[in-house]
N, C-alpha and C. Protein backbone atom coordinates (compact mmCIF):
# COMPACT_ATOMS: atom_id res chain seq x y z
N MET A 1 0.84 -1.19 0.00
CA MET A 1 0.00 0.00 0.00
C MET A 1 0.88 1.24 0.00
N SER A 2 0.56 2.15 -0.87
CA SER A 2 1.35 3.36 -1.03
C SER A 2 0.95 4.40 0.02
N ASN A 3 1.94 5.12 0.51
CA ASN A 3 1.67 6.21 1.45
C ASN A 3 1.61 7.55 0.75
N ASN A 4 1.68 7.56 -0.57
CA ASN A 4 1.63 8.79 -1.33
C ASN A 4 0.17 9.16 -1.56
N PHE A 5 -0.32 10.17 -0.86
CA PHE A 5 -1.72 10.56 -0.94
C PHE A 5 -2.02 11.40 -2.18
N ASN A 6 -1.02 11.68 -2.99
CA ASN A 6 -1.23 12.44 -4.22
C ASN A 6 -1.57 11.54 -5.40
N GLU A 7 -1.43 10.25 -5.23
CA GLU A 7 -1.74 9.30 -6.30
C GLU A 7 -3.06 8.60 -6.00
N THR A 8 -3.81 8.32 -7.05
CA THR A 8 -5.07 7.61 -6.90
C THR A 8 -4.81 6.11 -6.99
N MET A 9 -5.28 5.39 -5.99
CA MET A 9 -5.15 3.93 -6.01
C MET A 9 -6.23 3.37 -6.91
N LYS A 10 -5.96 2.25 -7.53
CA LYS A 10 -6.92 1.62 -8.42
C LYS A 10 -7.41 0.33 -7.79
N PHE A 11 -8.73 0.16 -7.79
CA PHE A 11 -9.35 -1.03 -7.24
C PHE A 11 -10.11 -1.74 -8.34
N GLU A 12 -9.91 -3.04 -8.47
CA GLU A 12 -10.65 -3.81 -9.46
C GLU A 12 -11.14 -5.09 -8.81
N ALA A 13 -12.44 -5.27 -8.86
CA ALA A 13 -13.03 -6.51 -8.34
C ALA A 13 -13.06 -7.55 -9.45
N SER A 14 -13.09 -8.78 -9.06
CA SER A 14 -13.13 -9.88 -10.01
C SER A 14 -14.45 -9.87 -10.78
N LYS A 15 -14.37 -9.90 -12.11
CA LYS A 15 -15.57 -9.87 -12.96
C LYS A 15 -16.39 -11.14 -12.81
N GLU A 16 -15.75 -12.26 -12.51
CA GLU A 16 -16.48 -13.52 -12.41
C GLU A 16 -17.43 -13.54 -11.21
N ASN A 17 -17.16 -12.74 -10.21
CA ASN A 17 -18.01 -12.72 -9.02
C ASN A 17 -19.16 -11.72 -9.12
N ILE A 18 -19.18 -10.88 -10.16
CA ILE A 18 -20.19 -9.85 -10.28
C ILE A 18 -21.59 -10.45 -10.42
N ASN A 19 -21.77 -11.40 -11.33
CA ASN A 19 -23.08 -12.01 -11.51
C ASN A 19 -23.52 -12.77 -10.26
N GLU A 20 -22.59 -13.45 -9.62
CA GLU A 20 -22.91 -14.17 -8.39
C GLU A 20 -23.33 -13.18 -7.30
N ALA A 21 -22.64 -12.05 -7.22
CA ALA A 21 -22.98 -11.03 -6.22
C ALA A 21 -24.39 -10.53 -6.44
N LYS A 22 -24.75 -10.30 -7.68
CA LYS A 22 -26.09 -9.79 -8.00
C LYS A 22 -27.16 -10.79 -7.56
N LYS A 23 -26.96 -12.06 -7.85
CA LYS A 23 -27.92 -13.09 -7.45
C LYS A 23 -28.04 -13.16 -5.93
N ILE A 24 -26.92 -13.10 -5.27
CA ILE A 24 -26.91 -13.18 -3.81
C ILE A 24 -27.60 -11.98 -3.20
N ILE A 25 -27.34 -10.80 -3.70
CA ILE A 25 -27.99 -9.59 -3.17
C ILE A 25 -29.50 -9.71 -3.24
N PHE A 26 -30.02 -10.14 -4.39
CA PHE A 26 -31.47 -10.25 -4.54
C PHE A 26 -32.05 -11.38 -3.69
N THR A 27 -31.33 -12.47 -3.55
CA THR A 27 -31.79 -13.57 -2.70
C THR A 27 -31.86 -13.12 -1.25
N VAL A 28 -30.81 -12.45 -0.79
CA VAL A 28 -30.75 -11.95 0.59
C VAL A 28 -31.83 -10.90 0.81
N TYR A 29 -31.96 -9.98 -0.12
CA TYR A 29 -32.97 -8.93 -0.03
C TYR A 29 -34.36 -9.54 0.14
N ASN A 30 -34.70 -10.49 -0.72
CA ASN A 30 -36.03 -11.12 -0.66
C ASN A 30 -36.25 -11.91 0.62
N ALA A 31 -35.23 -12.61 1.09
CA ALA A 31 -35.35 -13.37 2.34
C ALA A 31 -35.59 -12.42 3.52
N LEU A 32 -34.86 -11.32 3.56
CA LEU A 32 -35.04 -10.34 4.64
C LEU A 32 -36.44 -9.74 4.60
N LYS A 33 -36.88 -9.40 3.41
CA LYS A 33 -38.21 -8.80 3.24
C LYS A 33 -39.31 -9.78 3.68
N GLU A 34 -39.18 -11.04 3.27
CA GLU A 34 -40.16 -12.06 3.64
C GLU A 34 -40.25 -12.26 5.15
N LYS A 35 -39.13 -12.09 5.83
CA LYS A 35 -39.11 -12.26 7.29
C LYS A 35 -39.52 -10.99 8.03
N GLY A 36 -39.81 -9.91 7.30
CA GLY A 36 -40.30 -8.70 7.93
C GLY A 36 -39.23 -7.68 8.32
N TYR A 37 -38.00 -7.89 7.88
CA TYR A 37 -36.92 -6.94 8.16
C TYR A 37 -36.89 -5.86 7.09
N ASP A 38 -36.25 -4.75 7.40
CA ASP A 38 -35.97 -3.72 6.39
C ASP A 38 -34.68 -4.17 5.69
N PRO A 39 -34.79 -4.71 4.47
CA PRO A 39 -33.61 -5.29 3.82
C PRO A 39 -32.48 -4.30 3.60
N ILE A 40 -32.80 -3.06 3.29
CA ILE A 40 -31.76 -2.06 3.05
C ILE A 40 -30.92 -1.84 4.31
N ASN A 41 -31.59 -1.61 5.43
CA ASN A 41 -30.87 -1.39 6.69
C ASN A 41 -30.06 -2.60 7.10
N GLN A 42 -30.61 -3.78 6.92
CA GLN A 42 -29.90 -5.00 7.32
C GLN A 42 -28.66 -5.23 6.46
N ILE A 43 -28.79 -5.01 5.15
CA ILE A 43 -27.64 -5.21 4.26
C ILE A 43 -26.57 -4.17 4.54
N ILE A 44 -26.98 -2.93 4.78
CA ILE A 44 -26.01 -1.89 5.14
C ILE A 44 -25.29 -2.27 6.43
N GLY A 45 -26.03 -2.73 7.42
CA GLY A 45 -25.42 -3.17 8.68
C GLY A 45 -24.37 -4.24 8.46
N TYR A 46 -24.69 -5.19 7.59
CA TYR A 46 -23.74 -6.27 7.28
C TYR A 46 -22.51 -5.72 6.57
N ILE A 47 -22.72 -4.90 5.55
CA ILE A 47 -21.58 -4.39 4.79
C ILE A 47 -20.66 -3.54 5.67
N LEU A 48 -21.22 -2.70 6.52
CA LEU A 48 -20.40 -1.83 7.36
C LEU A 48 -19.68 -2.58 8.48
N SER A 49 -20.35 -3.55 9.07
CA SER A 49 -19.79 -4.21 10.25
C SER A 49 -19.10 -5.54 9.94
N GLY A 50 -19.56 -6.22 8.90
CA GLY A 50 -19.06 -7.57 8.62
C GLY A 50 -19.73 -8.62 9.48
N ASP A 51 -20.68 -8.21 10.29
CA ASP A 51 -21.37 -9.14 11.19
C ASP A 51 -22.50 -9.83 10.44
N PRO A 52 -22.38 -11.13 10.20
CA PRO A 52 -23.39 -11.85 9.42
C PRO A 52 -24.74 -11.99 10.11
N THR A 53 -24.81 -11.67 11.40
CA THR A 53 -26.10 -11.79 12.08
C THR A 53 -27.09 -10.70 11.66
N TYR A 54 -26.63 -9.73 10.87
CA TYR A 54 -27.57 -8.76 10.29
C TYR A 54 -28.42 -9.42 9.20
N ILE A 55 -27.97 -10.56 8.71
CA ILE A 55 -28.66 -11.28 7.64
C ILE A 55 -29.35 -12.50 8.22
N THR A 56 -30.61 -12.68 7.85
CA THR A 56 -31.37 -13.82 8.33
C THR A 56 -30.80 -15.13 7.78
N SER A 57 -30.99 -16.18 8.52
CA SER A 57 -30.59 -17.50 8.03
C SER A 57 -31.69 -18.13 7.18
N TYR A 58 -32.85 -17.47 7.13
CA TYR A 58 -33.99 -17.93 6.34
C TYR A 58 -33.56 -18.06 4.87
N LYS A 59 -33.93 -19.15 4.26
CA LYS A 59 -33.59 -19.46 2.87
C LYS A 59 -32.08 -19.45 2.63
N ASP A 60 -31.33 -19.76 3.69
CA ASP A 60 -29.87 -19.86 3.62
C ASP A 60 -29.19 -18.55 3.23
N ALA A 61 -29.88 -17.42 3.47
CA ALA A 61 -29.35 -16.11 3.06
C ALA A 61 -28.03 -15.78 3.74
N ARG A 62 -27.89 -16.11 5.02
CA ARG A 62 -26.67 -15.78 5.74
C ARG A 62 -25.47 -16.54 5.17
N SER A 63 -25.66 -17.79 4.85
CA SER A 63 -24.57 -18.57 4.25
C SER A 63 -24.22 -18.05 2.87
N LEU A 64 -25.24 -17.69 2.11
CA LEU A 64 -25.00 -17.17 0.76
C LEU A 64 -24.20 -15.87 0.78
N VAL A 65 -24.60 -14.94 1.65
CA VAL A 65 -23.94 -13.64 1.66
C VAL A 65 -22.48 -13.76 2.08
N ARG A 66 -22.14 -14.79 2.82
CA ARG A 66 -20.76 -14.97 3.27
C ARG A 66 -19.88 -15.61 2.20
N LYS A 67 -20.47 -16.02 1.09
CA LYS A 67 -19.70 -16.64 0.00
C LYS A 67 -18.89 -15.63 -0.80
N ILE A 68 -19.28 -14.36 -0.72
CA ILE A 68 -18.55 -13.34 -1.47
C ILE A 68 -18.12 -12.23 -0.52
N GLU A 69 -17.12 -11.52 -0.94
CA GLU A 69 -16.57 -10.46 -0.10
C GLU A 69 -17.52 -9.26 -0.05
N ARG A 70 -17.49 -8.54 1.05
CA ARG A 70 -18.36 -7.37 1.20
C ARG A 70 -18.07 -6.30 0.16
N ASP A 71 -16.80 -6.15 -0.23
CA ASP A 71 -16.48 -5.15 -1.25
C ASP A 71 -17.11 -5.50 -2.60
N GLU A 72 -17.26 -6.79 -2.88
CA GLU A 72 -17.92 -7.20 -4.12
C GLU A 72 -19.42 -6.90 -4.07
N LEU A 73 -20.02 -7.09 -2.91
CA LEU A 73 -21.43 -6.72 -2.75
C LEU A 73 -21.61 -5.22 -2.95
N LEU A 74 -20.76 -4.45 -2.32
CA LEU A 74 -20.83 -3.00 -2.42
C LEU A 74 -20.61 -2.52 -3.84
N GLU A 75 -19.66 -3.13 -4.54
CA GLU A 75 -19.40 -2.74 -5.92
C GLU A 75 -20.63 -3.01 -6.80
N GLU A 76 -21.26 -4.14 -6.63
CA GLU A 76 -22.44 -4.47 -7.43
C GLU A 76 -23.58 -3.50 -7.14
N ILE A 77 -23.81 -3.20 -5.88
CA ILE A 77 -24.89 -2.27 -5.51
C ILE A 77 -24.61 -0.89 -6.08
N LEU A 78 -23.41 -0.39 -5.90
CA LEU A 78 -23.05 0.95 -6.37
C LEU A 78 -23.09 1.03 -7.89
N SER A 79 -22.56 0.04 -8.57
CA SER A 79 -22.57 0.02 -10.03
C SER A 79 -23.99 0.06 -10.56
N ASN A 80 -24.84 -0.77 -9.99
CA ASN A 80 -26.23 -0.84 -10.43
C ASN A 80 -26.92 0.50 -10.20
N TYR A 81 -26.71 1.09 -9.04
CA TYR A 81 -27.32 2.38 -8.71
C TYR A 81 -26.87 3.47 -9.68
N LEU A 82 -25.57 3.58 -9.89
CA LEU A 82 -25.04 4.64 -10.74
C LEU A 82 -25.45 4.47 -12.19
N GLU A 83 -25.53 3.25 -12.66
CA GLU A 83 -25.98 3.01 -14.04
C GLU A 83 -27.43 3.47 -14.23
N LYS A 84 -28.27 3.19 -13.26
CA LYS A 84 -29.67 3.59 -13.33
C LYS A 84 -29.84 5.10 -13.18
N GLU A 85 -29.10 5.71 -12.28
CA GLU A 85 -29.20 7.15 -12.04
C GLU A 85 -28.62 7.95 -13.19
N ASN A 86 -27.71 7.37 -13.93
CA ASN A 86 -27.06 8.07 -15.04
C ASN A 86 -27.95 8.10 -16.28
N GLU A 87 -29.12 7.49 -16.22
CA GLU A 87 -30.02 7.43 -17.37
C GLU A 87 -30.82 8.69 -17.57
N PHE A 88 -30.81 9.61 -16.62
CA PHE A 88 -31.62 10.82 -16.75
C PHE A 88 -30.99 11.73 -17.70
């Protein structure tokens, strides 16, 4: 890791995990919603803390979400959001 704050670091997530991340996000979202949780708040709690107990074990959602890294989940969510918002 560089200590030069004048240079921009480059981050690249694995492309092969992008489709898997998308499937997992929607599966987790739907499982949380079905159980009566606010899926957005629960997923944010998981991404920020890394604590899998923010995700229900219903429909194996907790195990699924732990299969991919949190940065990959965040990248998929942000990419999807920005692509949709950029359509205006």
